[in-house]
N, C-alpha and C. Protein backbone atom coordinates (compact mmCIF):
# COMPACT_ATOMS: atom_id res chain seq x y z
N UNK A 1 -12.42 159.12 49.60
CA UNK A 1 -12.12 158.62 50.92
C UNK A 1 -11.00 159.44 51.56
N UNK A 2 -10.01 159.78 50.77
CA UNK A 2 -8.89 160.55 51.32
C UNK A 2 -9.36 161.93 51.76
N UNK A 3 -10.22 162.55 50.97
CA UNK A 3 -10.74 163.87 51.31
C UNK A 3 -11.57 163.77 52.59
N UNK A 4 -12.38 162.72 52.69
CA UNK A 4 -13.18 162.52 53.92
C UNK A 4 -12.27 162.34 55.13
N UNK A 5 -11.20 161.58 54.97
CA UNK A 5 -10.25 161.37 56.07
C UNK A 5 -9.64 162.69 56.50
N UNK A 6 -9.21 163.50 55.55
CA UNK A 6 -8.63 164.80 55.88
C UNK A 6 -9.65 165.71 56.56
N UNK A 7 -10.88 165.69 56.07
CA UNK A 7 -11.94 166.50 56.69
C UNK A 7 -12.20 166.04 58.12
N UNK A 8 -12.22 164.73 58.35
CA UNK A 8 -12.46 164.18 59.69
C UNK A 8 -11.34 164.57 60.65
N UNK A 9 -10.13 164.54 60.17
CA UNK A 9 -8.99 164.90 61.03
C UNK A 9 -9.04 166.38 61.38
N UNK A 10 -9.33 167.22 60.38
CA UNK A 10 -9.37 168.66 60.62
C UNK A 10 -10.57 169.09 61.47
N UNK A 11 -11.69 168.42 61.33
CA UNK A 11 -12.89 168.85 62.04
C UNK A 11 -12.94 168.36 63.49
N UNK A 12 -12.34 167.26 63.80
CA UNK A 12 -12.37 166.77 65.19
C UNK A 12 -10.99 166.95 65.80
N UNK A 13 -10.95 167.58 66.93
CA UNK A 13 -9.67 167.90 67.54
C UNK A 13 -9.12 166.77 68.40
N UNK A 14 -9.95 165.84 68.79
CA UNK A 14 -9.49 164.80 69.71
C UNK A 14 -9.30 163.45 69.02
N UNK A 15 -8.73 163.43 67.84
CA UNK A 15 -8.50 162.18 67.12
C UNK A 15 -7.05 161.78 67.35
N UNK A 16 -6.85 160.56 67.82
CA UNK A 16 -5.49 160.09 68.10
C UNK A 16 -4.88 159.46 66.85
N UNK A 17 -3.57 159.27 66.88
CA UNK A 17 -2.84 158.68 65.75
C UNK A 17 -3.30 157.27 65.40
N UNK A 18 -3.40 156.35 66.39
CA UNK A 18 -3.88 155.00 66.06
C UNK A 18 -5.31 154.99 65.51
N UNK A 19 -6.14 155.90 66.01
CA UNK A 19 -7.52 155.97 65.53
C UNK A 19 -7.55 156.43 64.07
N UNK A 20 -6.70 157.39 63.74
CA UNK A 20 -6.62 157.86 62.35
C UNK A 20 -6.21 156.71 61.43
N UNK A 21 -5.21 155.95 61.86
CA UNK A 21 -4.73 154.85 61.03
C UNK A 21 -5.79 153.75 60.91
N UNK A 22 -6.38 153.35 62.03
CA UNK A 22 -7.32 152.22 61.99
C UNK A 22 -8.67 152.59 61.38
N UNK A 23 -9.15 153.82 61.58
CA UNK A 23 -10.48 154.18 61.10
C UNK A 23 -10.47 154.91 59.76
N UNK A 24 -9.34 155.46 59.36
CA UNK A 24 -9.35 156.27 58.15
C UNK A 24 -8.32 155.82 57.11
N UNK A 25 -7.08 155.70 57.49
CA UNK A 25 -6.02 155.42 56.52
C UNK A 25 -6.13 154.00 55.98
N UNK A 26 -6.24 153.01 56.88
CA UNK A 26 -6.32 151.62 56.42
C UNK A 26 -7.57 151.35 55.57
N UNK A 27 -8.76 151.82 55.94
CA UNK A 27 -9.91 151.61 55.05
C UNK A 27 -9.74 152.30 53.70
N UNK A 28 -9.14 153.48 53.69
CA UNK A 28 -8.90 154.17 52.43
C UNK A 28 -7.97 153.37 51.54
N UNK A 29 -6.89 152.87 52.10
CA UNK A 29 -5.94 152.05 51.33
C UNK A 29 -6.62 150.77 50.86
N UNK A 30 -7.38 150.11 51.72
CA UNK A 30 -8.05 148.86 51.37
C UNK A 30 -9.06 149.06 50.24
N UNK A 31 -9.89 150.10 50.35
CA UNK A 31 -10.88 150.38 49.29
C UNK A 31 -10.17 150.78 48.00
N UNK A 32 -9.08 151.54 48.10
CA UNK A 32 -8.31 151.92 46.91
C UNK A 32 -7.73 150.71 46.20
N UNK A 33 -7.22 149.74 46.96
CA UNK A 33 -6.66 148.52 46.36
C UNK A 33 -7.77 147.72 45.67
N UNK A 34 -8.94 147.63 46.29
CA UNK A 34 -10.05 146.90 45.67
C UNK A 34 -10.49 147.58 44.37
N UNK A 35 -10.63 148.89 44.38
CA UNK A 35 -11.02 149.62 43.16
C UNK A 35 -9.96 149.45 42.08
N UNK A 36 -8.69 149.56 42.44
CA UNK A 36 -7.60 149.38 41.48
C UNK A 36 -7.64 147.98 40.87
N UNK A 37 -7.84 146.94 41.68
CA UNK A 37 -7.86 145.56 41.18
C UNK A 37 -9.04 145.34 40.23
N UNK A 38 -10.20 145.83 40.60
CA UNK A 38 -11.38 145.65 39.74
C UNK A 38 -11.21 146.38 38.42
N UNK A 39 -10.74 147.62 38.47
CA UNK A 39 -10.53 148.38 37.24
C UNK A 39 -9.45 147.75 36.36
N UNK A 40 -8.40 147.23 36.98
CA UNK A 40 -7.35 146.56 36.21
C UNK A 40 -7.89 145.32 35.50
N UNK A 41 -8.67 144.51 36.21
CA UNK A 41 -9.25 143.32 35.60
C UNK A 41 -10.19 143.67 34.45
N UNK A 42 -11.04 144.68 34.67
CA UNK A 42 -11.96 145.10 33.62
C UNK A 42 -11.21 145.65 32.40
N UNK A 43 -10.24 146.50 32.65
CA UNK A 43 -9.47 147.08 31.55
C UNK A 43 -8.72 146.00 30.78
N UNK A 44 -8.14 145.04 31.50
CA UNK A 44 -7.40 143.97 30.84
C UNK A 44 -8.32 143.09 30.00
N UNK A 45 -9.49 142.75 30.51
CA UNK A 45 -10.37 141.84 29.78
C UNK A 45 -11.13 142.53 28.65
N UNK A 46 -11.48 143.79 28.82
CA UNK A 46 -12.31 144.48 27.83
C UNK A 46 -11.52 145.24 26.78
N UNK A 47 -10.30 145.69 27.11
CA UNK A 47 -9.54 146.51 26.17
C UNK A 47 -8.20 145.88 25.80
N UNK A 48 -7.39 145.57 26.79
CA UNK A 48 -6.01 145.13 26.52
C UNK A 48 -5.98 143.79 25.79
N UNK A 49 -6.75 142.81 26.25
CA UNK A 49 -6.75 141.48 25.60
C UNK A 49 -7.24 141.56 24.15
N UNK A 50 -8.36 142.27 23.84
CA UNK A 50 -8.76 142.37 22.43
C UNK A 50 -7.73 143.10 21.56
N UNK A 51 -7.10 144.14 22.10
CA UNK A 51 -6.09 144.87 21.31
C UNK A 51 -4.88 143.97 21.06
N UNK A 52 -4.45 143.19 22.06
CA UNK A 52 -3.34 142.25 21.85
C UNK A 52 -3.72 141.20 20.81
N UNK A 53 -4.97 140.75 20.82
CA UNK A 53 -5.45 139.79 19.82
C UNK A 53 -5.39 140.40 18.43
N UNK A 54 -5.81 141.66 18.31
CA UNK A 54 -5.77 142.35 17.02
C UNK A 54 -4.33 142.49 16.53
N UNK A 55 -3.42 142.89 17.41
CA UNK A 55 -2.01 143.05 17.02
C UNK A 55 -1.40 141.73 16.56
N UNK A 56 -1.71 140.65 17.27
CA UNK A 56 -1.21 139.34 16.86
C UNK A 56 -1.77 138.93 15.51
N UNK A 57 -3.05 139.23 15.28
CA UNK A 57 -3.66 138.88 14.00
C UNK A 57 -3.06 139.71 12.87
N UNK A 58 -2.77 140.98 13.13
CA UNK A 58 -2.13 141.82 12.10
C UNK A 58 -0.75 141.29 11.72
N UNK A 59 -0.03 140.73 12.69
CA UNK A 59 1.26 140.11 12.37
C UNK A 59 1.07 138.91 11.46
N UNK A 60 0.01 138.12 11.70
CA UNK A 60 -0.29 136.98 10.83
C UNK A 60 -0.65 137.45 9.42
N UNK A 61 -1.41 138.54 9.32
CA UNK A 61 -1.75 139.09 8.01
C UNK A 61 -0.48 139.54 7.29
N UNK A 62 0.42 140.16 8.03
CA UNK A 62 1.70 140.58 7.45
C UNK A 62 2.52 139.42 6.94
N UNK A 63 2.35 138.25 7.55
CA UNK A 63 3.06 137.05 7.11
C UNK A 63 2.32 136.29 6.02
N UNK A 64 1.14 136.81 5.60
CA UNK A 64 0.43 136.19 4.48
C UNK A 64 -0.77 135.35 4.87
N UNK A 65 -1.07 135.21 6.14
CA UNK A 65 -2.25 134.43 6.56
C UNK A 65 -3.45 135.36 6.60
N UNK A 66 -4.32 135.24 5.61
CA UNK A 66 -5.42 136.18 5.45
C UNK A 66 -6.72 135.64 6.04
N UNK A 67 -6.71 135.27 7.31
CA UNK A 67 -7.91 134.80 7.99
C UNK A 67 -8.60 135.98 8.67
N UNK A 68 -9.90 135.83 8.90
CA UNK A 68 -10.65 136.88 9.58
C UNK A 68 -10.54 136.72 11.10
N UNK A 69 -10.71 137.83 11.81
CA UNK A 69 -10.73 137.81 13.27
C UNK A 69 -12.18 137.57 13.70
N UNK A 70 -12.36 136.73 14.70
CA UNK A 70 -13.70 136.56 15.26
C UNK A 70 -14.03 137.77 16.12
N UNK A 71 -15.24 138.28 15.98
CA UNK A 71 -15.63 139.52 16.63
C UNK A 71 -16.39 139.23 17.91
N UNK A 72 -15.66 139.16 19.04
CA UNK A 72 -16.28 138.94 20.34
C UNK A 72 -16.11 140.15 21.25
N UNK A 73 -15.70 141.27 20.71
CA UNK A 73 -15.43 142.45 21.53
C UNK A 73 -16.73 143.09 21.99
N UNK A 74 -16.72 143.64 23.19
CA UNK A 74 -17.90 144.30 23.74
C UNK A 74 -17.85 145.82 23.55
N UNK A 75 -16.70 146.35 23.19
CA UNK A 75 -16.55 147.79 23.01
C UNK A 75 -16.74 148.10 21.53
N UNK A 76 -17.58 149.07 21.23
CA UNK A 76 -17.95 149.35 19.84
C UNK A 76 -16.75 149.80 19.00
N UNK A 77 -15.83 150.52 19.57
CA UNK A 77 -14.66 150.98 18.81
C UNK A 77 -13.79 149.80 18.41
N UNK A 78 -13.62 148.84 19.31
CA UNK A 78 -12.82 147.66 18.98
C UNK A 78 -13.55 146.81 17.95
N UNK A 79 -14.88 146.72 18.04
CA UNK A 79 -15.65 146.00 17.02
C UNK A 79 -15.46 146.67 15.66
N UNK A 80 -15.41 148.00 15.64
CA UNK A 80 -15.18 148.73 14.39
C UNK A 80 -13.80 148.43 13.80
N UNK A 81 -12.79 148.36 14.65
CA UNK A 81 -11.44 148.03 14.19
C UNK A 81 -11.42 146.61 13.62
N UNK A 82 -12.04 145.68 14.32
CA UNK A 82 -12.08 144.29 13.85
C UNK A 82 -12.82 144.21 12.52
N UNK A 83 -13.92 144.93 12.40
CA UNK A 83 -14.67 144.95 11.14
C UNK A 83 -13.81 145.50 10.00
N UNK A 84 -13.06 146.56 10.27
CA UNK A 84 -12.17 147.12 9.25
C UNK A 84 -11.07 146.15 8.85
N UNK A 85 -10.51 145.44 9.81
CA UNK A 85 -9.46 144.46 9.50
C UNK A 85 -10.03 143.31 8.68
N UNK A 86 -11.24 142.85 9.03
CA UNK A 86 -11.86 141.77 8.26
C UNK A 86 -12.18 142.22 6.84
N UNK A 87 -12.58 143.47 6.67
CA UNK A 87 -12.81 144.03 5.34
C UNK A 87 -11.51 144.08 4.54
N UNK A 88 -10.43 144.47 5.21
CA UNK A 88 -9.12 144.51 4.57
C UNK A 88 -8.69 143.12 4.10
N UNK A 89 -8.88 142.11 4.95
CA UNK A 89 -8.48 140.76 4.55
C UNK A 89 -9.31 140.26 3.38
N UNK A 90 -10.61 140.62 3.35
CA UNK A 90 -11.44 140.23 2.19
C UNK A 90 -10.93 140.87 0.91
N UNK A 91 -10.58 142.16 0.98
CA UNK A 91 -10.06 142.85 -0.20
C UNK A 91 -8.71 142.27 -0.63
N UNK A 92 -7.88 141.92 0.34
CA UNK A 92 -6.58 141.33 -0.01
C UNK A 92 -6.75 139.96 -0.66
N UNK A 93 -7.75 139.20 -0.21
CA UNK A 93 -8.00 137.89 -0.81
C UNK A 93 -8.48 138.03 -2.25
N UNK A 94 -9.25 139.08 -2.52
CA UNK A 94 -9.81 139.30 -3.86
C UNK A 94 -8.85 140.02 -4.79
N UNK A 95 -7.79 140.60 -4.24
CA UNK A 95 -6.85 141.38 -5.05
C UNK A 95 -6.08 140.47 -6.00
N UNK A 96 -5.72 141.00 -7.17
CA UNK A 96 -4.93 140.19 -8.10
C UNK A 96 -3.54 139.92 -7.54
N UNK A 97 -2.90 138.93 -8.10
CA UNK A 97 -1.56 138.57 -7.66
C UNK A 97 -0.59 139.66 -8.11
N UNK A 98 -0.26 140.55 -7.20
CA UNK A 98 0.60 141.68 -7.54
C UNK A 98 2.01 141.25 -7.91
N UNK A 99 2.47 140.13 -7.39
CA UNK A 99 3.80 139.66 -7.73
C UNK A 99 3.85 139.25 -9.20
N UNK A 100 2.81 138.55 -9.66
CA UNK A 100 2.74 138.15 -11.06
C UNK A 100 2.65 139.35 -11.96
N UNK A 101 1.86 140.34 -11.55
CA UNK A 101 1.72 141.56 -12.34
C UNK A 101 3.05 142.32 -12.39
N UNK A 102 3.74 142.36 -11.27
CA UNK A 102 5.03 143.03 -11.23
C UNK A 102 6.05 142.34 -12.16
N UNK A 103 6.03 141.01 -12.15
CA UNK A 103 6.93 140.27 -13.05
C UNK A 103 6.58 140.53 -14.51
N UNK A 104 5.28 140.61 -14.81
CA UNK A 104 4.85 140.88 -16.19
C UNK A 104 5.33 142.26 -16.63
N UNK A 105 5.26 143.24 -15.74
CA UNK A 105 5.73 144.58 -16.09
C UNK A 105 7.25 144.57 -16.29
N UNK A 106 7.98 143.84 -15.46
CA UNK A 106 9.42 143.73 -15.63
C UNK A 106 9.75 143.10 -16.99
N UNK A 107 9.01 142.07 -17.37
CA UNK A 107 9.23 141.44 -18.68
C UNK A 107 8.91 142.42 -19.81
N UNK A 108 7.88 143.24 -19.61
CA UNK A 108 7.51 144.23 -20.62
C UNK A 108 8.62 145.26 -20.79
N UNK A 109 9.19 145.70 -19.69
CA UNK A 109 10.30 146.67 -19.76
C UNK A 109 11.50 146.03 -20.46
N UNK A 110 11.79 144.76 -20.17
CA UNK A 110 12.90 144.06 -20.83
C UNK A 110 12.65 143.93 -22.32
N UNK A 111 11.40 143.61 -22.70
CA UNK A 111 11.05 143.50 -24.12
C UNK A 111 11.27 144.82 -24.83
N UNK A 112 10.85 145.92 -24.18
CA UNK A 112 11.06 147.24 -24.78
C UNK A 112 12.55 147.52 -24.96
N UNK A 113 13.36 147.18 -23.98
CA UNK A 113 14.80 147.41 -24.07
C UNK A 113 15.42 146.54 -25.16
N UNK A 114 14.97 145.29 -25.28
CA UNK A 114 15.49 144.41 -26.33
C UNK A 114 15.14 144.94 -27.72
N UNK A 115 13.91 145.42 -27.90
CA UNK A 115 13.51 145.99 -29.19
C UNK A 115 14.32 147.24 -29.51
N UNK A 116 14.55 148.05 -28.50
CA UNK A 116 15.37 149.26 -28.71
C UNK A 116 16.79 148.86 -29.09
N UNK A 117 17.31 147.80 -28.47
CA UNK A 117 18.65 147.33 -28.81
C UNK A 117 18.74 146.85 -30.25
N UNK A 118 17.68 146.19 -30.73
CA UNK A 118 17.67 145.75 -32.14
C UNK A 118 17.67 146.94 -33.09
N UNK A 119 16.93 147.97 -32.75
CA UNK A 119 16.90 149.17 -33.59
C UNK A 119 18.26 149.85 -33.57
N UNK A 120 18.87 149.97 -32.39
CA UNK A 120 20.16 150.64 -32.28
C UNK A 120 21.26 149.90 -33.04
N UNK A 121 21.15 148.59 -33.17
CA UNK A 121 22.16 147.79 -33.87
C UNK A 121 21.84 147.65 -35.36
N UNK A 122 20.85 148.38 -35.83
CA UNK A 122 20.44 148.38 -37.24
C UNK A 122 20.06 146.99 -37.75
N UNK A 123 19.57 146.14 -36.89
CA UNK A 123 19.11 144.82 -37.32
C UNK A 123 17.69 144.90 -37.85
N UNK A 124 16.93 145.84 -37.35
CA UNK A 124 15.55 146.05 -37.80
C UNK A 124 15.39 147.54 -38.01
N UNK A 125 14.68 147.90 -39.02
CA UNK A 125 14.46 149.33 -39.27
C UNK A 125 13.34 149.83 -38.36
N UNK A 126 13.41 151.09 -38.01
CA UNK A 126 12.36 151.65 -37.13
C UNK A 126 10.96 151.55 -37.74
N UNK A 127 10.86 151.63 -39.07
CA UNK A 127 9.54 151.55 -39.69
C UNK A 127 8.91 150.16 -39.50
N UNK A 128 9.74 149.13 -39.42
CA UNK A 128 9.22 147.78 -39.20
C UNK A 128 8.66 147.62 -37.78
N UNK A 129 9.16 148.42 -36.86
CA UNK A 129 8.76 148.27 -35.46
C UNK A 129 7.64 149.19 -35.01
N UNK A 130 7.20 150.09 -35.86
CA UNK A 130 6.16 151.04 -35.44
C UNK A 130 4.89 150.31 -34.97
N UNK A 131 4.36 149.31 -35.70
CA UNK A 131 3.16 148.63 -35.19
C UNK A 131 3.43 147.85 -33.90
N UNK A 132 4.65 147.28 -33.80
CA UNK A 132 4.99 146.53 -32.59
C UNK A 132 5.06 147.47 -31.39
N UNK A 133 5.64 148.65 -31.58
CA UNK A 133 5.76 149.61 -30.49
C UNK A 133 4.38 150.14 -30.07
N UNK A 134 3.46 150.32 -31.05
CA UNK A 134 2.09 150.74 -30.69
C UNK A 134 1.42 149.68 -29.83
N UNK A 135 1.57 148.42 -30.22
CA UNK A 135 0.98 147.32 -29.43
C UNK A 135 1.62 147.25 -28.04
N UNK A 136 2.91 147.47 -28.00
CA UNK A 136 3.63 147.44 -26.73
C UNK A 136 3.15 148.57 -25.81
N UNK A 137 2.95 149.76 -26.37
CA UNK A 137 2.45 150.89 -25.58
C UNK A 137 1.03 150.62 -25.08
N UNK A 138 0.19 150.04 -25.91
CA UNK A 138 -1.17 149.70 -25.51
C UNK A 138 -1.15 148.67 -24.37
N UNK A 139 -0.25 147.68 -24.49
CA UNK A 139 -0.10 146.66 -23.45
C UNK A 139 0.36 147.28 -22.13
N UNK A 140 1.28 148.22 -22.21
CA UNK A 140 1.72 148.93 -21.00
C UNK A 140 0.56 149.68 -20.35
N UNK A 141 -0.27 150.29 -21.16
CA UNK A 141 -1.43 151.01 -20.62
C UNK A 141 -2.38 150.07 -19.89
N UNK A 142 -2.58 148.89 -20.46
CA UNK A 142 -3.45 147.91 -19.80
C UNK A 142 -2.85 147.47 -18.46
N UNK A 143 -1.54 147.25 -18.43
CA UNK A 143 -0.89 146.86 -17.18
C UNK A 143 -1.02 147.97 -16.12
N UNK A 144 -0.82 149.20 -16.54
CA UNK A 144 -0.91 150.30 -15.59
C UNK A 144 -2.34 150.47 -15.06
N UNK A 145 -3.33 150.29 -15.92
CA UNK A 145 -4.70 150.40 -15.43
C UNK A 145 -5.04 149.25 -14.49
N UNK A 146 -4.45 148.07 -14.71
CA UNK A 146 -4.68 146.94 -13.80
C UNK A 146 -4.04 147.21 -12.44
N UNK A 147 -2.91 147.90 -12.44
CA UNK A 147 -2.24 148.22 -11.18
C UNK A 147 -3.02 149.24 -10.37
N UNK A 148 -3.64 150.21 -11.05
CA UNK A 148 -4.36 151.26 -10.36
C UNK A 148 -5.62 150.70 -9.70
N UNK A 149 -6.28 149.76 -10.32
CA UNK A 149 -7.50 149.19 -9.75
C UNK A 149 -7.12 148.39 -8.57
């Protein structure tokens, strides 16, 4: 519209100032405002609102609420993001209790330190602890493989 207005002004020599404003500038501004409003509403409803919903849901997941997001998005990329987040929540629900596993590993490290302390204080001979240390090493291996999975 702006280009047409400029072309109209340049091509006709007898265009007055009020005519330019009433026939060209005001319609251009009016149509521009309508296009801006429609695009803003569409962008807000189709992109911004679903992204804000996803961000809010991710905050809930961070706080421990592992619910799925309902997939009502019309844009395929946003549907893909929602699908990925729902897959993540399913995997988190199925994952072992990492806090319990972490505590078990801490207890295992403490047990190893206590056994080493007994050996250092000559309360138990190292030969008596060889089978215990083998079992302890095997147990550590099982814990580490559980963490990797």
